[in-house]
């Protein structure tokens, strides 16, 4: 049996993982600075 997971799904999950890693591990106000500024 072969799994036919599309490459688009793998890329989308990798982007979601990277964004989550950034938010949990490295965000120091960067995400909300788009809306709230300094």
ModelCIF file with pLDDT and N, C-alpha, C, O atoms, coordinates in Angstrom:
data_MODEL
#
_entry.id   MODEL 
#
_entity.id                         1 
_entity.type                       polymer 
_entity.pdbx_number_of_molecules   1 
#
_entity_poly.entity_id                      1 
_entity_poly.type                           'polypeptide(L)' 
_entity_poly.nstd_linkage                   no 
_entity_poly.nstd_monomer                   no 
_entity_poly.pdbx_seq_one_letter_code       
;(UNK)(UNK)(UNK)(UNK)(UNK)(UNK)(UNK)(UNK)(UNK)(UNK)(UNK)(UNK)(UNK)(UNK)(UNK)(UNK)
(UNK)(UNK)(UNK)(UNK)(UNK)(UNK)(UNK)(UNK)(UNK)(UNK)(UNK)(UNK)(UNK)(UNK)(UNK)(UNK)
(UNK)(UNK)(UNK)(UNK)(UNK)(UNK)
;
_entity_poly.pdbx_seq_one_letter_code_can   XXXXXXXXXXXXXXXXXXXXXXXXXXXXXXXXXXXXXX 
_entity_poly.pdbx_strand_id                 A 
#
loop_
_entity_poly_seq.entity_id 
_entity_poly_seq.num 
_entity_poly_seq.mon_id 
_entity_poly_seq.hetero 
1 1  UNK n 
1 2  UNK n 
1 3  UNK n 
1 4  UNK n 
1 5  UNK n 
1 6  UNK n 
1 7  UNK n 
1 8  UNK n 
1 9  UNK n 
1 10 UNK n 
1 11 UNK n 
1 12 UNK n 
1 13 UNK n 
1 14 UNK n 
1 15 UNK n 
1 16 UNK n 
1 17 UNK n 
1 18 UNK n 
1 19 UNK n 
1 20 UNK n 
1 21 UNK n 
1 22 UNK n 
1 23 UNK n 
1 24 UNK n 
1 25 UNK n 
1 26 UNK n 
1 27 UNK n 
1 28 UNK n 
1 29 UNK n 
1 30 UNK n 
1 31 UNK n 
1 32 UNK n 
1 33 UNK n 
1 34 UNK n 
1 35 UNK n 
1 36 UNK n 
1 37 UNK n 
1 38 UNK n 
#
_struct_asym.id          A 
_struct_asym.entity_id   1 
#
loop_
_ma_qa_metric.id 
_ma_qa_metric.mode 
_ma_qa_metric.name 
_ma_qa_metric.software_group_id 
_ma_qa_metric.type 
1 global pLDDT . pLDDT 
2 local  pLDDT . pLDDT 
#
_ma_qa_metric_global.metric_id      1 
_ma_qa_metric_global.metric_value   87.92 
_ma_qa_metric_global.model_id       1 
_ma_qa_metric_global.ordinal_id     1 
#
loop_
_ma_qa_metric_local.label_asym_id 
_ma_qa_metric_local.label_comp_id 
_ma_qa_metric_local.label_seq_id 
_ma_qa_metric_local.metric_id 
_ma_qa_metric_local.metric_value 
_ma_qa_metric_local.model_id 
_ma_qa_metric_local.ordinal_id 
A UNK 1  2 72.00 1 1  
A UNK 2  2 75.00 1 2  
A UNK 3  2 74.00 1 3  
A UNK 4  2 82.00 1 4  
A UNK 5  2 81.00 1 5  
A UNK 6  2 89.00 1 6  
A UNK 7  2 91.00 1 7  
A UNK 8  2 93.00 1 8  
A UNK 9  2 92.00 1 9  
A UNK 10 2 93.00 1 10 
A UNK 11 2 95.00 1 11 
A UNK 12 2 96.00 1 12 
A UNK 13 2 96.00 1 13 
A UNK 14 2 97.00 1 14 
A UNK 15 2 97.00 1 15 
A UNK 16 2 97.00 1 16 
A UNK 17 2 95.00 1 17 
A UNK 18 2 95.00 1 18 
A UNK 19 2 92.00 1 19 
A UNK 20 2 89.00 1 20 
A UNK 21 2 89.00 1 21 
A UNK 22 2 87.00 1 22 
A UNK 23 2 84.00 1 23 
A UNK 24 2 84.00 1 24 
A UNK 25 2 84.00 1 25 
A UNK 26 2 85.00 1 26 
A UNK 27 2 84.00 1 27 
A UNK 28 2 85.00 1 28 
A UNK 29 2 84.00 1 29 
A UNK 30 2 87.00 1 30 
A UNK 31 2 86.00 1 31 
A UNK 32 2 87.00 1 32 
A UNK 33 2 87.00 1 33 
A UNK 34 2 87.00 1 34 
A UNK 35 2 87.00 1 35 
A UNK 36 2 86.00 1 36 
A UNK 37 2 88.00 1 37 
A UNK 38 2 89.00 1 38 
#
loop_
_atom_site.group_PDB 
_atom_site.id 
_atom_site.type_symbol 
_atom_site.label_atom_id 
_atom_site.label_alt_id 
_atom_site.label_comp_id 
_atom_site.label_asym_id 
_atom_site.label_entity_id 
_atom_site.label_seq_id 
_atom_site.pdbx_PDB_ins_code 
_atom_site.Cartn_x 
_atom_site.Cartn_y 
_atom_site.Cartn_z 
_atom_site.occupancy 
_atom_site.B_iso_or_equiv 
_atom_site.pdbx_formal_charge 
_atom_site.auth_seq_id 
_atom_site.auth_comp_id 
_atom_site.auth_asym_id 
_atom_site.auth_atom_id 
_atom_site.pdbx_PDB_model_num 
ATOM 1   N N  . UNK A 1 1  ? 0.851  -1.185 0.000  1.00 72.00 ? 1  UNK A N  1 
ATOM 2   C CA . UNK A 1 1  ? 0.000  0.000  0.000  1.00 72.00 ? 1  UNK A CA 1 
ATOM 3   C C  . UNK A 1 1  ? 0.889  1.237  0.000  1.00 72.00 ? 1  UNK A C  1 
ATOM 4   O O  . UNK A 1 1  ? 1.895  1.295  0.706  1.00 72.00 ? 1  UNK A O  1 
ATOM 5   N N  . UNK A 1 2  ? 0.512  2.197  -0.780 1.00 75.00 ? 2  UNK A N  1 
ATOM 6   C CA . UNK A 1 2  ? 1.255  3.450  -0.838 1.00 75.00 ? 2  UNK A CA 1 
ATOM 7   C C  . UNK A 1 2  ? 0.333  4.568  -0.394 1.00 75.00 ? 2  UNK A C  1 
ATOM 8   O O  . UNK A 1 2  ? -0.863 4.564  -0.685 1.00 75.00 ? 2  UNK A O  1 
ATOM 9   N N  . UNK A 1 3  ? 0.899  5.503  0.300  1.00 74.00 ? 3  UNK A N  1 
ATOM 10  C CA . UNK A 1 3  ? 0.144  6.655  0.757  1.00 74.00 ? 3  UNK A CA 1 
ATOM 11  C C  . UNK A 1 3  ? 0.299  7.766  -0.266 1.00 74.00 ? 3  UNK A C  1 
ATOM 12  O O  . UNK A 1 3  ? 1.415  8.130  -0.636 1.00 74.00 ? 3  UNK A O  1 
ATOM 13  N N  . UNK A 1 4  ? -0.785 8.282  -0.704 1.00 82.00 ? 4  UNK A N  1 
ATOM 14  C CA . UNK A 1 4  ? -0.757 9.348  -1.705 1.00 82.00 ? 4  UNK A CA 1 
ATOM 15  C C  . UNK A 1 4  ? -1.015 10.694 -1.039 1.00 82.00 ? 4  UNK A C  1 
ATOM 16  O O  . UNK A 1 4  ? -2.040 11.330 -1.282 1.00 82.00 ? 4  UNK A O  1 
ATOM 17  N N  . UNK A 1 5  ? -0.083 11.118 -0.204 1.00 81.00 ? 5  UNK A N  1 
ATOM 18  C CA . UNK A 1 5  ? -0.189 12.429 0.421  1.00 81.00 ? 5  UNK A CA 1 
ATOM 19  C C  . UNK A 1 5  ? 0.379  13.444 -0.549 1.00 81.00 ? 5  UNK A C  1 
ATOM 20  O O  . UNK A 1 5  ? 1.511  13.309 -1.014 1.00 81.00 ? 5  UNK A O  1 
ATOM 21  N N  . UNK A 1 6  ? -0.405 14.450 -0.848 1.00 89.00 ? 6  UNK A N  1 
ATOM 22  C CA . UNK A 1 6  ? 0.041  15.425 -1.837 1.00 89.00 ? 6  UNK A CA 1 
ATOM 23  C C  . UNK A 1 6  ? 1.182  16.275 -1.289 1.00 89.00 ? 6  UNK A C  1 
ATOM 24  O O  . UNK A 1 6  ? 1.293  16.495 -0.083 1.00 89.00 ? 6  UNK A O  1 
ATOM 25  N N  . UNK A 1 7  ? 2.007  16.736 -2.182 1.00 91.00 ? 7  UNK A N  1 
ATOM 26  C CA . UNK A 1 7  ? 3.128  17.585 -1.790 1.00 91.00 ? 7  UNK A CA 1 
ATOM 27  C C  . UNK A 1 7  ? 2.632  18.915 -1.251 1.00 91.00 ? 7  UNK A C  1 
ATOM 28  O O  . UNK A 1 7  ? 3.280  19.518 -0.396 1.00 91.00 ? 7  UNK A O  1 
ATOM 29  N N  . UNK A 1 8  ? 1.505  19.371 -1.734 1.00 93.00 ? 8  UNK A N  1 
ATOM 30  C CA . UNK A 1 8  ? 0.918  20.615 -1.238 1.00 93.00 ? 8  UNK A CA 1 
ATOM 31  C C  . UNK A 1 8  ? 0.531  20.487 0.233  1.00 93.00 ? 8  UNK A C  1 
ATOM 32  O O  . UNK A 1 8  ? 0.725  21.424 1.007  1.00 93.00 ? 8  UNK A O  1 
ATOM 33  N N  . UNK A 1 9  ? -0.011 19.340 0.621  1.00 92.00 ? 9  UNK A N  1 
ATOM 34  C CA . UNK A 1 9  ? -0.369 19.118 2.019  1.00 92.00 ? 9  UNK A CA 1 
ATOM 35  C C  . UNK A 1 9  ? 0.869  19.091 2.897  1.00 92.00 ? 9  UNK A C  1 
ATOM 36  O O  . UNK A 1 9  ? 0.846  19.623 4.007  1.00 92.00 ? 9  UNK A O  1 
ATOM 37  N N  . UNK A 1 10 ? 1.945  18.485 2.426  1.00 93.00 ? 10 UNK A N  1 
ATOM 38  C CA . UNK A 1 10 ? 3.187  18.432 3.198  1.00 93.00 ? 10 UNK A CA 1 
ATOM 39  C C  . UNK A 1 10 ? 3.766  19.833 3.364  1.00 93.00 ? 10 UNK A C  1 
ATOM 40  O O  . UNK A 1 10 ? 4.231  20.183 4.449  1.00 93.00 ? 10 UNK A O  1 
ATOM 41  N N  . UNK A 1 11 ? 3.744  20.632 2.311  1.00 95.00 ? 11 UNK A N  1 
ATOM 42  C CA . UNK A 1 11 ? 4.256  22.001 2.384  1.00 95.00 ? 11 UNK A CA 1 
ATOM 43  C C  . UNK A 1 11 ? 3.393  22.838 3.327  1.00 95.00 ? 11 UNK A C  1 
ATOM 44  O O  . UNK A 1 11 ? 3.919  23.616 4.122  1.00 95.00 ? 11 UNK A O  1 
ATOM 45  N N  . UNK A 1 12 ? 2.075  22.683 3.244  1.00 96.00 ? 12 UNK A N  1 
ATOM 46  C CA . UNK A 1 12 ? 1.177  23.439 4.118  1.00 96.00 ? 12 UNK A CA 1 
ATOM 47  C C  . UNK A 1 12 ? 1.416  23.088 5.581  1.00 96.00 ? 12 UNK A C  1 
ATOM 48  O O  . UNK A 1 12 ? 1.455  23.982 6.426  1.00 96.00 ? 12 UNK A O  1 
ATOM 49  N N  . UNK A 1 13 ? 1.576  21.817 5.895  1.00 96.00 ? 13 UNK A N  1 
ATOM 50  C CA . UNK A 1 13 ? 1.842  21.412 7.271  1.00 96.00 ? 13 UNK A CA 1 
ATOM 51  C C  . UNK A 1 13 ? 3.205  21.897 7.754  1.00 96.00 ? 13 UNK A C  1 
ATOM 52  O O  . UNK A 1 13 ? 3.353  22.253 8.923  1.00 96.00 ? 13 UNK A O  1 
ATOM 53  N N  . UNK A 1 14 ? 4.192  21.915 6.878  1.00 97.00 ? 14 UNK A N  1 
ATOM 54  C CA . UNK A 1 14 ? 5.515  22.424 7.245  1.00 97.00 ? 14 UNK A CA 1 
ATOM 55  C C  . UNK A 1 14 ? 5.454  23.915 7.568  1.00 97.00 ? 14 UNK A C  1 
ATOM 56  O O  . UNK A 1 14 ? 6.116  24.375 8.498  1.00 97.00 ? 14 UNK A O  1 
ATOM 57  N N  . UNK A 1 15 ? 4.666  24.669 6.809  1.00 97.00 ? 15 UNK A N  1 
ATOM 58  C CA . UNK A 1 15 ? 4.509  26.103 7.069  1.00 97.00 ? 15 UNK A CA 1 
ATOM 59  C C  . UNK A 1 15 ? 3.790  26.329 8.391  1.00 97.00 ? 15 UNK A C  1 
ATOM 60  O O  . UNK A 1 15 ? 4.180  27.200 9.169  1.00 97.00 ? 15 UNK A O  1 
ATOM 61  N N  . UNK A 1 16 ? 2.743  25.551 8.651  1.00 97.00 ? 16 UNK A N  1 
ATOM 62  C CA . UNK A 1 16 ? 2.021  25.664 9.919  1.00 97.00 ? 16 UNK A CA 1 
ATOM 63  C C  . UNK A 1 16 ? 2.932  25.312 11.093 1.00 97.00 ? 16 UNK A C  1 
ATOM 64  O O  . UNK A 1 16 ? 2.902  25.986 12.122 1.00 97.00 ? 16 UNK A O  1 
ATOM 65  N N  . UNK A 1 17 ? 3.733  24.274 10.948 1.00 95.00 ? 17 UNK A N  1 
ATOM 66  C CA . UNK A 1 17 ? 4.679  23.881 11.992 1.00 95.00 ? 17 UNK A CA 1 
ATOM 67  C C  . UNK A 1 17 ? 5.693  24.986 12.250 1.00 95.00 ? 17 UNK A C  1 
ATOM 68  O O  . UNK A 1 17 ? 5.965  25.319 13.404 1.00 95.00 ? 17 UNK A O  1 
ATOM 69  N N  . UNK A 1 18 ? 6.253  25.558 11.194 1.00 95.00 ? 18 UNK A N  1 
ATOM 70  C CA . UNK A 1 18 ? 7.247  26.615 11.353 1.00 95.00 ? 18 UNK A CA 1 
ATOM 71  C C  . UNK A 1 18 ? 6.646  27.847 12.017 1.00 95.00 ? 18 UNK A C  1 
ATOM 72  O O  . UNK A 1 18 ? 7.285  28.468 12.866 1.00 95.00 ? 18 UNK A O  1 
ATOM 73  N N  . UNK A 1 19 ? 5.425  28.205 11.638 1.00 92.00 ? 19 UNK A N  1 
ATOM 74  C CA . UNK A 1 19 ? 4.763  29.354 12.261 1.00 92.00 ? 19 UNK A CA 1 
ATOM 75  C C  . UNK A 1 19 ? 4.488  29.083 13.734 1.00 92.00 ? 19 UNK A C  1 
ATOM 76  O O  . UNK A 1 19 ? 4.679  29.967 14.568 1.00 92.00 ? 19 UNK A O  1 
ATOM 77  N N  . UNK A 1 20 ? 4.045  27.882 14.065 1.00 89.00 ? 20 UNK A N  1 
ATOM 78  C CA . UNK A 1 20 ? 3.800  27.534 15.462 1.00 89.00 ? 20 UNK A CA 1 
ATOM 79  C C  . UNK A 1 20 ? 5.074  27.530 16.273 1.00 89.00 ? 20 UNK A C  1 
ATOM 80  O O  . UNK A 1 20 ? 5.082  27.974 17.421 1.00 89.00 ? 20 UNK A O  1 
ATOM 81  N N  . UNK A 1 21 ? 6.146  27.036 15.694 1.00 89.00 ? 21 UNK A N  1 
ATOM 82  C CA . UNK A 1 21 ? 7.441  27.037 16.380 1.00 89.00 ? 21 UNK A CA 1 
ATOM 83  C C  . UNK A 1 21 ? 7.906  28.463 16.646 1.00 89.00 ? 21 UNK A C  1 
ATOM 84  O O  . UNK A 1 21 ? 8.441  28.753 17.716 1.00 89.00 ? 21 UNK A O  1 
ATOM 85  N N  . UNK A 1 22 ? 7.706  29.345 15.690 1.00 87.00 ? 22 UNK A N  1 
ATOM 86  C CA . UNK A 1 22 ? 8.073  30.746 15.884 1.00 87.00 ? 22 UNK A CA 1 
ATOM 87  C C  . UNK A 1 22 ? 7.247  31.381 16.994 1.00 87.00 ? 22 UNK A C  1 
ATOM 88  O O  . UNK A 1 22 ? 7.787  32.071 17.859 1.00 87.00 ? 22 UNK A O  1 
ATOM 89  N N  . UNK A 1 23 ? 5.941  31.149 16.971 1.00 84.00 ? 23 UNK A N  1 
ATOM 90  C CA . UNK A 1 23 ? 5.059  31.759 17.964 1.00 84.00 ? 23 UNK A CA 1 
ATOM 91  C C  . UNK A 1 23 ? 5.406  31.270 19.364 1.00 84.00 ? 23 UNK A C  1 
ATOM 92  O O  . UNK A 1 23 ? 5.508  32.075 20.289 1.00 84.00 ? 23 UNK A O  1 
ATOM 93  N N  . UNK A 1 24 ? 5.587  29.975 19.533 1.00 84.00 ? 24 UNK A N  1 
ATOM 94  C CA . UNK A 1 24 ? 5.867  29.430 20.858 1.00 84.00 ? 24 UNK A CA 1 
ATOM 95  C C  . UNK A 1 24 ? 7.294  29.734 21.295 1.00 84.00 ? 24 UNK A C  1 
ATOM 96  O O  . UNK A 1 24 ? 7.518  30.077 22.456 1.00 84.00 ? 24 UNK A O  1 
ATOM 97  N N  . UNK A 1 25 ? 8.246  29.617 20.405 1.00 84.00 ? 25 UNK A N  1 
ATOM 98  C CA . UNK A 1 25 ? 9.633  29.704 20.808 1.00 84.00 ? 25 UNK A CA 1 
ATOM 99  C C  . UNK A 1 25 ? 10.294 31.060 20.717 1.00 84.00 ? 25 UNK A C  1 
ATOM 100 O O  . UNK A 1 25 ? 11.207 31.348 21.491 1.00 84.00 ? 25 UNK A O  1 
ATOM 101 N N  . UNK A 1 26 ? 9.862  31.901 19.797 1.00 85.00 ? 26 UNK A N  1 
ATOM 102 C CA . UNK A 1 26 ? 10.657 33.090 19.533 1.00 85.00 ? 26 UNK A CA 1 
ATOM 103 C C  . UNK A 1 26 ? 9.894  34.402 19.536 1.00 85.00 ? 26 UNK A C  1 
ATOM 104 O O  . UNK A 1 26 ? 10.522 35.461 19.535 1.00 85.00 ? 26 UNK A O  1 
ATOM 105 N N  . UNK A 1 27 ? 8.584  34.383 19.538 1.00 84.00 ? 27 UNK A N  1 
ATOM 106 C CA . UNK A 1 27 ? 7.827  35.633 19.434 1.00 84.00 ? 27 UNK A CA 1 
ATOM 107 C C  . UNK A 1 27 ? 7.989  36.478 20.685 1.00 84.00 ? 27 UNK A C  1 
ATOM 108 O O  . UNK A 1 27 ? 7.751  36.006 21.796 1.00 84.00 ? 27 UNK A O  1 
ATOM 109 N N  . UNK A 1 28 ? 8.388  37.712 20.503 1.00 85.00 ? 28 UNK A N  1 
ATOM 110 C CA . UNK A 1 28 ? 8.516  38.678 21.596 1.00 85.00 ? 28 UNK A CA 1 
ATOM 111 C C  . UNK A 1 28 ? 7.704  39.930 21.271 1.00 85.00 ? 28 UNK A C  1 
ATOM 112 O O  . UNK A 1 28 ? 8.130  41.049 21.559 1.00 85.00 ? 28 UNK A O  1 
ATOM 113 N N  . UNK A 1 29 ? 6.535  39.730 20.671 1.00 84.00 ? 29 UNK A N  1 
ATOM 114 C CA . UNK A 1 29 ? 5.685  40.849 20.301 1.00 84.00 ? 29 UNK A CA 1 
ATOM 115 C C  . UNK A 1 29 ? 5.612  41.083 18.808 1.00 84.00 ? 29 UNK A C  1 
ATOM 116 O O  . UNK A 1 29 ? 4.921  41.999 18.361 1.00 84.00 ? 29 UNK A O  1 
ATOM 117 N N  . UNK A 1 30 ? 6.308  40.277 18.028 1.00 87.00 ? 30 UNK A N  1 
ATOM 118 C CA . UNK A 1 30 ? 6.364  40.487 16.582 1.00 87.00 ? 30 UNK A CA 1 
ATOM 119 C C  . UNK A 1 30 ? 5.012  40.290 15.905 1.00 87.00 ? 30 UNK A C  1 
ATOM 120 O O  . UNK A 1 30 ? 4.659  41.044 14.998 1.00 87.00 ? 30 UNK A O  1 
ATOM 121 N N  . UNK A 1 31 ? 4.254  39.286 16.336 1.00 86.00 ? 31 UNK A N  1 
ATOM 122 C CA . UNK A 1 31 ? 2.981  38.984 15.676 1.00 86.00 ? 31 UNK A CA 1 
ATOM 123 C C  . UNK A 1 31 ? 1.991  40.127 15.858 1.00 86.00 ? 31 UNK A C  1 
ATOM 124 O O  . UNK A 1 31 ? 1.382  40.578 14.888 1.00 86.00 ? 31 UNK A O  1 
ATOM 125 N N  . UNK A 1 32 ? 1.823  40.601 17.095 1.00 87.00 ? 32 UNK A N  1 
ATOM 126 C CA . UNK A 1 32 ? 0.853  41.666 17.359 1.00 87.00 ? 32 UNK A CA 1 
ATOM 127 C C  . UNK A 1 32 ? 1.374  43.045 16.990 1.00 87.00 ? 32 UNK A C  1 
ATOM 128 O O  . UNK A 1 32 ? 0.600  44.002 16.977 1.00 87.00 ? 32 UNK A O  1 
ATOM 129 N N  . UNK A 1 33 ? 2.656  43.178 16.691 1.00 87.00 ? 33 UNK A N  1 
ATOM 130 C CA . UNK A 1 33 ? 3.179  44.494 16.323 1.00 87.00 ? 33 UNK A CA 1 
ATOM 131 C C  . UNK A 1 33 ? 2.590  44.975 15.006 1.00 87.00 ? 33 UNK A C  1 
ATOM 132 O O  . UNK A 1 33 ? 2.602  46.172 14.715 1.00 87.00 ? 33 UNK A O  1 
ATOM 133 N N  . UNK A 1 34 ? 2.077  44.046 14.212 1.00 87.00 ? 34 UNK A N  1 
ATOM 134 C CA . UNK A 1 34 ? 1.425  44.427 12.956 1.00 87.00 ? 34 UNK A CA 1 
ATOM 135 C C  . UNK A 1 34 ? 0.197  45.277 13.248 1.00 87.00 ? 34 UNK A C  1 
ATOM 136 O O  . UNK A 1 34 ? -0.106 46.216 12.512 1.00 87.00 ? 34 UNK A O  1 
ATOM 137 N N  . UNK A 1 35 ? -0.511 44.941 14.330 1.00 87.00 ? 35 UNK A N  1 
ATOM 138 C CA . UNK A 1 35 ? -1.746 45.646 14.687 1.00 87.00 ? 35 UNK A CA 1 
ATOM 139 C C  . UNK A 1 35 ? -1.496 46.736 15.725 1.00 87.00 ? 35 UNK A C  1 
ATOM 140 O O  . UNK A 1 35 ? -1.970 47.861 15.567 1.00 87.00 ? 35 UNK A O  1 
ATOM 141 N N  . UNK A 1 36 ? -0.749 46.409 16.794 1.00 86.00 ? 36 UNK A N  1 
ATOM 142 C CA . UNK A 1 36 ? -0.588 47.323 17.921 1.00 86.00 ? 36 UNK A CA 1 
ATOM 143 C C  . UNK A 1 36 ? 0.654  48.203 17.843 1.00 86.00 ? 36 UNK A C  1 
ATOM 144 O O  . UNK A 1 36 ? 0.800  49.123 18.647 1.00 86.00 ? 36 UNK A O  1 
ATOM 145 N N  . UNK A 1 37 ? 1.528  47.949 16.918 1.00 88.00 ? 37 UNK A N  1 
ATOM 146 C CA . UNK A 1 37 ? 2.726  48.765 16.782 1.00 88.00 ? 37 UNK A CA 1 
ATOM 147 C C  . UNK A 1 37 ? 3.741  48.463 17.869 1.00 88.00 ? 37 UNK A C  1 
ATOM 148 O O  . UNK A 1 37 ? 3.868  47.320 18.307 1.00 88.00 ? 37 UNK A O  1 
ATOM 149 N N  . UNK A 1 38 ? 4.459  49.480 18.300 1.00 89.00 ? 38 UNK A N  1 
ATOM 150 C CA . UNK A 1 38 ? 5.524  49.316 19.285 1.00 89.00 ? 38 UNK A CA 1 
ATOM 151 C C  . UNK A 1 38 ? 5.011  48.852 20.645 1.00 89.00 ? 38 UNK A C  1 
ATOM 152 O O  . UNK A 1 38 ? 5.800  48.672 21.573 1.00 89.00 ? 38 UNK A O  1 
#
